[in-house]
Amino acid sequence: MPDPQYKPYLRLDGYRPATRRVEEEFDLCISMYDNELTTLAEHHTADGRQSFLVLHDASAIYGVPGESQLVALHLARDVETRTFTLDSARVPLPSLAQSWLIQRRCPVKAIDAPDGWGTRPADETTVALERRLRDHGNRMTLVDSYSGEGYPTAETRVLLESRDPRASHPYRLLLEVADLRTGTHTLREGAFETAEAALDWLEDRSSPLPTPTPTPVRSLPARPAGPASAPDRTR
């Protein structure tokens, strides 16, 4: 298998995919959109064996309506055989991308959002919720999402399901509203008994978003909020 050429931000010069499956997954998740990808955050281990990246895919707006525009990417290199493997996920919010990478042992502080990463949190409620999703996103499973486009505001909607079978309101609806004039965004959370109730609220919105009741943090096995790998995209 010939040694392919890769973009510098991936640090893969001199490496090749470990298997044919890895090569196909890389082509599907990265190569197909490479010219549209922008690195938002990255961390590379000192030994050169691992890289953790959050990428923005500008081409997503031309694909399936509402498709998530962020790609979380974990690269693992075998420096002896000069091969690599990868794992990736397409997610709707930066905090969920961070959570996905942290669950793969990326240091928390290493993947913090740098200055200039999208819009800024507009208030402390947004900051606190984003931090909780970043640190405990593995406690939820991504059910559905829609990343909206528009000006002067753009709304992203995310539906999560709790992995705790004892949760009384296991479905959480996240609403991120970006104000593109001020360069800020708010993030709010609602709790629902069923996915249908959350979707009904989205359609109606005549009542306030139901505020979740704080619950004790229980120990759960680590698993990121999001799919194990980036889904296929139909053009």
C-alpha atoms as a PDB file:
ATOM      1  CA  MET A   1       0.000   0.000   0.000  1.00  0.00           C
ATOM      2  CA  PRO A   2       1.627   3.274  -1.036  1.00  0.00           C
ATOM      3  CA  ASP A   3       2.419   5.897   1.568  1.00  0.00           C
ATOM      4  CA  PRO A   4      -0.250   8.603   1.075  1.00  0.00           C
ATOM      5  CA  GLN A   5       0.247  12.325   1.439  1.00  0.00           C
ATOM      6  CA  TYR A   6      -1.578  13.985   4.330  1.00  0.00           C
ATOM      7  CA  LYS A   7      -2.255  17.528   5.443  1.00  0.00           C
ATOM      8  CA  PRO A   8       0.361  18.889   7.898  1.00  0.00           C
ATOM      9  CA  TYR A   9      -2.156  19.348  10.738  1.00  0.00           C
ATOM     10  CA  LEU A  10      -2.599  15.558  10.921  1.00  0.00           C
ATOM     11  CA  ARG A  11       1.125  14.887  11.480  1.00  0.00           C
ATOM     12  CA  LEU A  12       0.965  11.712   9.401  1.00  0.00           C
ATOM     13  CA  ASP A  13       3.895  12.233   7.039  1.00  0.00           C
ATOM     14  CA  GLY A  14       5.750   8.935   6.759  1.00  0.00           C
ATOM     15  CA  TYR A  15       2.809   6.946   8.141  1.00  0.00           C
ATOM     16  CA  ARG A  16       0.325   4.705   6.362  1.00  0.00           C
ATOM     17  CA  PRO A  17      -3.046   3.245   7.439  1.00  0.00           C
ATOM     18  CA  ALA A  18      -2.665   0.130   9.573  1.00  0.00           C
ATOM     19  CA  THR A  19      -5.300  -1.777   7.560  1.00  0.00           C
ATOM     20  CA  ARG A  20      -7.423  -1.418   4.487  1.00  0.00           C
ATOM     21  CA  ARG A  21     -10.408  -0.678   6.709  1.00  0.00           C
ATOM     22  CA  VAL A  22      -8.532   2.206   8.350  1.00  0.00           C
ATOM     23  CA  GLU A  23      -7.664   3.580   4.916  1.00  0.00           C
ATOM     24  CA  GLU A  24     -11.308   3.423   3.836  1.00  0.00           C
ATOM     25  CA  GLU A  25     -12.509   5.040   7.054  1.00  0.00           C
ATOM     26  CA  PHE A  26      -9.946   7.828   6.709  1.00  0.00           C
ATOM     27  CA  ASP A  27     -11.072   8.501   3.139  1.00  0.00           C
ATOM     28  CA  LEU A  28     -14.723   8.547   4.191  1.00  0.00           C
ATOM     29  CA  CYS A  29     -14.325  10.706   7.299  1.00  0.00           C
ATOM     30  CA  ILE A  30     -11.427  13.010   6.413  1.00  0.00           C
ATOM     31  CA  SER A  31     -10.075  12.874   2.854  1.00  0.00           C
ATOM     32  CA  MET A  32     -13.472  13.402   1.240  1.00  0.00           C
ATOM     33  CA  TYR A  33     -13.868  16.758   3.009  1.00  0.00           C
ATOM     34  CA  ASP A  34     -10.226  17.696   3.632  1.00  0.00           C
ATOM     35  CA  ASN A  35     -10.298  21.019   1.782  1.00  0.00           C
ATOM     36  CA  GLU A  36     -13.320  22.073   3.865  1.00  0.00           C
ATOM     37  CA  LEU A  37     -11.887  21.116   7.272  1.00  0.00           C
ATOM     38  CA  THR A  38     -10.557  23.722   9.701  1.00  0.00           C
ATOM     39  CA  THR A  39      -8.750  22.806  12.924  1.00  0.00           C
ATOM     40  CA  LEU A  40     -10.474  24.405  15.920  1.00  0.00           C
ATOM     41  CA  ALA A  41      -8.517  22.694  18.692  1.00  0.00           C
ATOM     42  CA  GLU A  42      -5.760  20.104  18.815  1.00  0.00           C
ATOM     43  CA  HIS A  43      -3.510  18.226  21.198  1.00  0.00           C
ATOM     44  CA  HIS A  44      -0.557  16.024  20.247  1.00  0.00           C
ATOM     45  CA  THR A  45       1.154  13.839  22.846  1.00  0.00           C
ATOM     46  CA  ALA A  46       4.847  14.428  23.436  1.00  0.00           C
ATOM     47  CA  ASP A  47       5.774  10.919  22.283  1.00  0.00           C
ATOM     48  CA  GLY A  48       4.053  11.508  18.919  1.00  0.00           C
ATOM     49  CA  ARG A  49       1.802   8.485  19.341  1.00  0.00           C
ATOM     50  CA  GLN A  50      -1.574  10.223  19.623  1.00  0.00           C
ATOM     51  CA  SER A  51      -3.376  13.279  18.312  1.00  0.00           C
ATOM     52  CA  PHE A  52      -6.751  14.680  19.380  1.00  0.00           C
ATOM     53  CA  LEU A  53      -8.467  17.235  17.153  1.00  0.00           C
ATOM     54  CA  VAL A  54     -11.729  19.134  16.827  1.00  0.00           C
ATOM     55  CA  LEU A  55     -12.398  20.035  13.196  1.00  0.00           C
ATOM     56  CA  HIS A  56     -15.043  22.180  11.548  1.00  0.00           C
ATOM     57  CA  ASP A  57     -16.447  20.861   8.283  1.00  0.00           C
ATOM     58  CA  ALA A  58     -17.661  23.798   6.191  1.00  0.00           C
ATOM     59  CA  SER A  59     -19.086  21.435   3.557  1.00  0.00           C
ATOM     60  CA  ALA A  60     -21.746  20.163   5.980  1.00  0.00           C
ATOM     61  CA  ILE A  61     -24.062  23.030   5.069  1.00  0.00           C
ATOM     62  CA  TYR A  62     -24.293  21.604   1.529  1.00  0.00           C
ATOM     63  CA  GLY A  63     -25.127  18.073   2.647  1.00  0.00           C
ATOM     64  CA  VAL A  64     -28.032  16.703   4.652  1.00  0.00           C
ATOM     65  CA  PRO A  65     -29.967  19.653   6.177  1.00  0.00           C
ATOM     66  CA  GLY A  66     -29.056  20.148   9.818  1.00  0.00           C
ATOM     67  CA  GLU A  67     -26.031  17.843   9.696  1.00  0.00           C
ATOM     68  CA  SER A  68     -23.499  18.327  12.487  1.00  0.00           C
ATOM     69  CA  GLN A  69     -20.539  20.449  11.414  1.00  0.00           C
ATOM     70  CA  LEU A  70     -17.961  19.333  13.981  1.00  0.00           C
ATOM     71  CA  VAL A  71     -15.695  16.299  13.700  1.00  0.00           C
ATOM     72  CA  ALA A  72     -13.880  14.895  16.731  1.00  0.00           C
ATOM     73  CA  LEU A  73     -10.825  12.944  15.585  1.00  0.00           C
ATOM     74  CA  HIS A  74      -8.474  10.652  17.505  1.00  0.00           C
ATOM     75  CA  LEU A  75      -5.352   9.422  15.706  1.00  0.00           C
ATOM     76  CA  ALA A  76      -3.121   6.717  17.164  1.00  0.00           C
ATOM     77  CA  ARG A  77       0.319   6.074  15.625  1.00  0.00           C
ATOM     78  CA  ASP A  78       2.535   3.023  15.871  1.00  0.00           C
ATOM     79  CA  VAL A  79       5.960   4.613  15.658  1.00  0.00           C
ATOM     80  CA  GLU A  80       7.675   1.248  15.178  1.00  0.00           C
ATOM     81  CA  THR A  81       5.644   0.109  12.137  1.00  0.00           C
ATOM     82  CA  ARG A  82       4.933   3.684  10.965  1.00  0.00           C
ATOM     83  CA  THR A  83       1.210   2.961  10.721  1.00  0.00           C
ATOM     84  CA  PHE A  84      -1.835   4.698  12.195  1.00  0.00           C
ATOM     85  CA  THR A  85      -5.420   4.006  13.212  1.00  0.00           C
ATOM     86  CA  LEU A  86      -8.226   6.493  13.763  1.00  0.00           C
ATOM     87  CA  ASP A  87     -11.546   6.967  15.481  1.00  0.00           C
ATOM     88  CA  SER A  88     -13.901   9.835  14.703  1.00  0.00           C
ATOM     89  CA  ALA A  89     -17.376  11.154  15.419  1.00  0.00           C
ATOM     90  CA  ARG A  90     -19.520  13.900  13.949  1.00  0.00           C
ATOM     91  CA  VAL A  91     -21.133  15.895  16.771  1.00  0.00           C
ATOM     92  CA  PRO A  92     -23.271  19.072  16.960  1.00  0.00           C
ATOM     93  CA  LEU A  93     -21.665  20.991  19.856  1.00  0.00           C
ATOM     94  CA  PRO A  94     -18.049  21.799  20.801  1.00  0.00           C
ATOM     95  CA  SER A  95     -18.584  20.552  24.361  1.00  0.00           C
ATOM     96  CA  LEU A  96     -19.684  17.150  23.035  1.00  0.00           C
ATOM     97  CA  ALA A  97     -16.625  17.007  20.766  1.00  0.00           C
ATOM     98  CA  GLN A  98     -14.446  17.747  23.790  1.00  0.00           C
ATOM     99  CA  SER A  99     -16.246  15.091  25.833  1.00  0.00           C
ATOM    100  CA  TRP A 100     -15.745  12.507  23.089  1.00  0.00           C
ATOM    101  CA  LEU A 101     -11.987  13.183  23.028  1.00  0.00           C
ATOM    102  CA  ILE A 102     -11.645  13.294  26.816  1.00  0.00           C
ATOM    103  CA  GLN A 103     -13.212   9.831  27.004  1.00  0.00           C
ATOM    104  CA  ARG A 104     -10.324   8.709  24.782  1.00  0.00           C
ATOM    105  CA  ARG A 105      -7.862  10.036  27.358  1.00  0.00           C
ATOM    106  CA  CYS A 106      -7.210  13.469  25.934  1.00  0.00           C
ATOM    107  CA  PRO A 107      -6.243  15.752  28.851  1.00  0.00           C
ATOM    108  CA  VAL A 108      -9.163  18.027  29.731  1.00  0.00           C
ATOM    109  CA  LYS A 109      -7.239  21.294  29.594  1.00  0.00           C
ATOM    110  CA  ALA A 110      -5.420  20.331  26.399  1.00  0.00           C
ATOM    111  CA  ILE A 111      -8.571  20.490  24.290  1.00  0.00           C
ATOM    112  CA  ASP A 112     -10.045  23.686  25.753  1.00  0.00           C
ATOM    113  CA  ALA A 113     -11.527  26.067  23.227  1.00  0.00           C
ATOM    114  CA  PRO A 114      -8.900  28.596  22.102  1.00  0.00           C
ATOM    115  CA  ASP A 115      -9.624  32.264  21.459  1.00  0.00           C
ATOM    116  CA  GLY A 116     -11.491  32.709  18.219  1.00  0.00           C
ATOM    117  CA  TRP A 117     -13.278  29.348  18.381  1.00  0.00           C
ATOM    118  CA  GLY A 118     -16.753  30.271  17.146  1.00  0.00           C
ATOM    119  CA  THR A 119     -18.993  32.449  19.267  1.00  0.00           C
ATOM    120  CA  ARG A 120     -18.442  33.173  22.972  1.00  0.00           C
ATOM    121  CA  PRO A 121     -20.712  32.060  25.821  1.00  0.00           C
ATOM    122  CA  ALA A 122     -23.124  34.876  26.599  1.00  0.00           C
ATOM    123  CA  ASP A 123     -23.657  34.072  30.295  1.00  0.00           C
ATOM    124  CA  GLU A 124     -22.588  31.913  33.226  1.00  0.00           C
ATOM    125  CA  THR A 125     -25.485  29.489  32.688  1.00  0.00           C
ATOM    126  CA  THR A 126     -24.048  28.661  29.273  1.00  0.00           C
ATOM    127  CA  VAL A 127     -20.517  28.299  30.668  1.00  0.00           C
ATOM    128  CA  ALA A 128     -21.676  25.928  33.428  1.00  0.00           C
ATOM    129  CA  LEU A 129     -23.763  23.747  31.108  1.00  0.00           C
ATOM    130  CA  GLU A 130     -20.975  23.489  28.527  1.00  0.00           C
ATOM    131  CA  ARG A 131     -18.533  22.499  31.259  1.00  0.00           C
ATOM    132  CA  ARG A 132     -20.907  19.801  32.531  1.00  0.00           C
ATOM    133  CA  LEU A 133     -21.389  18.400  29.032  1.00  0.00           C
ATOM    134  CA  ARG A 134     -17.633  18.418  28.465  1.00  0.00           C
ATOM    135  CA  ASP A 135     -16.855  16.631  31.725  1.00  0.00           C
ATOM    136  CA  HIS A 136     -19.865  14.281  31.952  1.00  0.00           C
ATOM    137  CA  GLY A 137     -21.081  13.910  28.372  1.00  0.00           C
ATOM    138  CA  ASN A 138     -20.441  10.170  28.554  1.00  0.00           C
ATOM    139  CA  ARG A 139     -23.511   9.902  30.798  1.00  0.00           C
ATOM    140  CA  MET A 140     -25.748  10.706  27.833  1.00  0.00           C
ATOM    141  CA  THR A 141     -26.325   9.171  24.414  1.00  0.00           C
ATOM    142  CA  LEU A 142     -26.859  11.371  21.364  1.00  0.00           C
ATOM    143  CA  VAL A 143     -30.330  10.671  19.935  1.00  0.00           C
ATOM    144  CA  ASP A 144     -30.721  13.388  17.325  1.00  0.00           C
ATOM    145  CA  SER A 145     -29.568  16.873  16.431  1.00  0.00           C
ATOM    146  CA  TYR A 146     -30.112  19.701  13.968  1.00  0.00           C
ATOM    147  CA  SER A 147     -27.536  22.402  13.295  1.00  0.00           C
ATOM    148  CA  GLY A 148     -29.306  25.442  11.870  1.00  0.00           C
ATOM    149  CA  GLU A 149     -27.974  28.157   9.599  1.00  0.00           C
ATOM    150  CA  GLY A 150     -29.159  31.744   9.493  1.00  0.00           C
ATOM    151  CA  TYR A 151     -28.516  35.385  10.257  1.00  0.00           C
ATOM    152  CA  PRO A 152     -28.582  37.170  12.620  1.00  0.00           C
ATOM    153  CA  THR A 153     -29.275  34.083  14.767  1.00  0.00           C
ATOM    154  CA  ALA A 154     -28.616  30.387  14.282  1.00  0.00           C
ATOM    155  CA  GLU A 155     -30.089  27.630  16.459  1.00  0.00           C
ATOM    156  CA  THR A 156     -28.666  24.170  17.128  1.00  0.00           C
ATOM    157  CA  ARG A 157     -30.980  21.577  18.679  1.00  0.00           C
ATOM    158  CA  VAL A 158     -29.683  18.434  20.372  1.00  0.00           C
ATOM    159  CA  LEU A 159     -31.629  15.568  21.956  1.00  0.00           C
ATOM    160  CA  LEU A 160     -29.759  13.397  24.472  1.00  0.00           C
ATOM    161  CA  GLU A 161     -30.877  10.350  26.449  1.00  0.00           C
ATOM    162  CA  SER A 162     -29.563   9.527  29.910  1.00  0.00           C
ATOM    163  CA  ARG A 163     -27.777   6.222  30.369  1.00  0.00           C
ATOM    164  CA  ASP A 164     -29.092   6.042  33.929  1.00  0.00           C
ATOM    165  CA  PRO A 165     -32.151   3.710  33.912  1.00  0.00           C
ATOM    166  CA  ARG A 166     -33.389   5.350  37.121  1.00  0.00           C
ATOM    167  CA  ALA A 167     -33.661   8.838  35.615  1.00  0.00           C
ATOM    168  CA  SER A 168     -37.239  10.163  35.846  1.00  0.00           C
ATOM    169  CA  HIS A 169     -36.750  12.576  32.945  1.00  0.00           C
ATOM    170  CA  PRO A 170     -34.108  10.804  30.868  1.00  0.00           C
ATOM    171  CA  TYR A 171     -34.367  12.963  27.741  1.00  0.00           C
ATOM    172  CA  ARG A 172     -32.523  16.276  27.642  1.00  0.00           C
ATOM    173  CA  LEU A 173     -33.147  18.872  24.973  1.00  0.00           C
ATOM    174  CA  LEU A 174     -30.303  21.323  24.385  1.00  0.00           C
ATOM    175  CA  LEU A 175     -30.872  24.612  22.579  1.00  0.00           C
ATOM    176  CA  GLU A 176     -27.895  26.663  21.489  1.00  0.00           C
ATOM    177  CA  VAL A 177     -28.768  30.050  20.007  1.00  0.00           C
ATOM    178  CA  ALA A 178     -25.916  31.985  18.433  1.00  0.00           C
ATOM    179  CA  ASP A 179     -26.181  35.749  17.965  1.00  0.00           C
ATOM    180  CA  LEU A 180     -23.898  36.372  15.008  1.00  0.00           C
ATOM    181  CA  ARG A 181     -24.061  40.153  15.432  1.00  0.00           C
ATOM    182  CA  THR A 182     -22.530  40.063  18.913  1.00  0.00           C
ATOM    183  CA  GLY A 183     -20.472  36.891  18.408  1.00  0.00           C
ATOM    184  CA  THR A 184     -22.065  35.217  21.437  1.00  0.00           C
ATOM    185  CA  HIS A 185     -24.318  32.241  22.129  1.00  0.00           C
ATOM    186  CA  THR A 186     -26.545  30.875  24.862  1.00  0.00           C
ATOM    187  CA  LEU A 187     -27.095  27.217  25.717  1.00  0.00           C
ATOM    188  CA  ARG A 188     -30.146  25.995  27.611  1.00  0.00           C
ATOM    189  CA  GLU A 189     -31.341  22.561  28.731  1.00  0.00           C
ATOM    190  CA  GLY A 190     -34.797  21.044  29.189  1.00  0.00           C
ATOM    191  CA  ALA A 191     -35.771  17.714  30.786  1.00  0.00           C
ATOM    192  CA  PHE A 192     -38.492  15.444  29.401  1.00  0.00           C
ATOM    193  CA  GLU A 193     -39.938  12.026  30.189  1.00  0.00           C
ATOM    194  CA  THR A 194     -39.992  10.948  26.533  1.00  0.00           C
ATOM    195  CA  ALA A 195     -38.378  11.895  23.255  1.00  0.00           C
ATOM    196  CA  GLU A 196     -41.845  12.630  21.866  1.00  0.00           C
ATOM    197  CA  ALA A 197     -42.496  15.167  24.647  1.00  0.00           C
ATOM    198  CA  ALA A 198     -39.242  16.957  23.801  1.00  0.00           C
ATOM    199  CA  LEU A 199     -40.118  17.094  20.103  1.00  0.00           C
ATOM    200  CA  ASP A 200     -43.637  18.324  20.918  1.00  0.00           C
ATOM    201  CA  TRP A 201     -42.171  21.160  22.964  1.00  0.00           C
ATOM    202  CA  LEU A 202     -39.934  22.107  20.040  1.00  0.00           C
ATOM    203  CA  GLU A 203     -42.943  22.343  17.753  1.00  0.00           C
ATOM    204  CA  ASP A 204     -45.038  24.387  20.184  1.00  0.00           C
ATOM    205  CA  ARG A 205     -42.731  26.398  22.497  1.00  0.00           C
ATOM    206  CA  SER A 206     -45.669  28.098  24.200  1.00  0.00           C
ATOM    207  CA  SER A 207     -44.342  27.129  27.640  1.00  0.00           C
ATOM    208  CA  PRO A 208     -40.904  27.629  29.199  1.00  0.00           C
ATOM    209  CA  LEU A 209     -38.282  24.955  28.625  1.00  0.00           C
ATOM    210  CA  PRO A 210     -38.742  22.505  31.563  1.00  0.00           C
ATOM    211  CA  THR A 211     -35.790  22.992  33.909  1.00  0.00           C
ATOM    212  CA  PRO A 212     -34.011  19.778  34.945  1.00  0.00           C
ATOM    213  CA  THR A 213     -33.988  18.853  38.620  1.00  0.00           C
ATOM    214  CA  PRO A 214     -30.400  18.512  39.873  1.00  0.00           C
ATOM    215  CA  THR A 215     -29.497  14.863  40.453  1.00  0.00           C
ATOM    216  CA  PRO A 216     -26.527  13.289  42.230  1.00  0.00           C
ATOM    217  CA  VAL A 217     -23.644  12.322  39.971  1.00  0.00           C
ATOM    218  CA  ARG A 218     -23.486   8.522  39.869  1.00  0.00           C
ATOM    219  CA  SER A 219     -20.532   6.492  38.735  1.00  0.00           C
ATOM    220  CA  LEU A 220     -21.026   5.131  35.226  1.00  0.00           C
ATOM    221  CA  PRO A 221     -18.645   3.426  32.805  1.00  0.00           C
ATOM    222  CA  ALA A 222     -16.940   5.931  30.536  1.00  0.00           C
ATOM    223  CA  ARG A 223     -18.589   6.293  27.147  1.00  0.00           C
ATOM    224  CA  PRO A 224     -18.768   9.452  25.031  1.00  0.00           C
ATOM    225  CA  ALA A 225     -21.983  11.160  23.970  1.00  0.00           C
ATOM    226  CA  GLY A 226     -22.060  10.465  20.265  1.00  0.00           C
ATOM    227  CA  PRO A 227     -21.617   7.724  17.707  1.00  0.00           C
ATOM    228  CA  ALA A 228     -18.540   5.505  17.720  1.00  0.00           C
ATOM    229  CA  SER A 229     -17.571   6.750  14.279  1.00  0.00           C
ATOM    230  CA  ALA A 230     -18.677   9.423  11.846  1.00  0.00           C
ATOM    231  CA  PRO A 231     -21.785   8.335   9.908  1.00  0.00           C
ATOM    232  CA  ASP A 232     -21.917   8.046   6.159  1.00  0.00           C
ATOM    233  CA  ARG A 233     -23.071  11.168   4.359  1.00  0.00           C
ATOM    234  CA  THR A 234     -25.266  11.072   1.290  1.00  0.00           C
ATOM    235  CA  ARG A 235     -24.617  13.850  -1.182  1.00  0.00           C
END
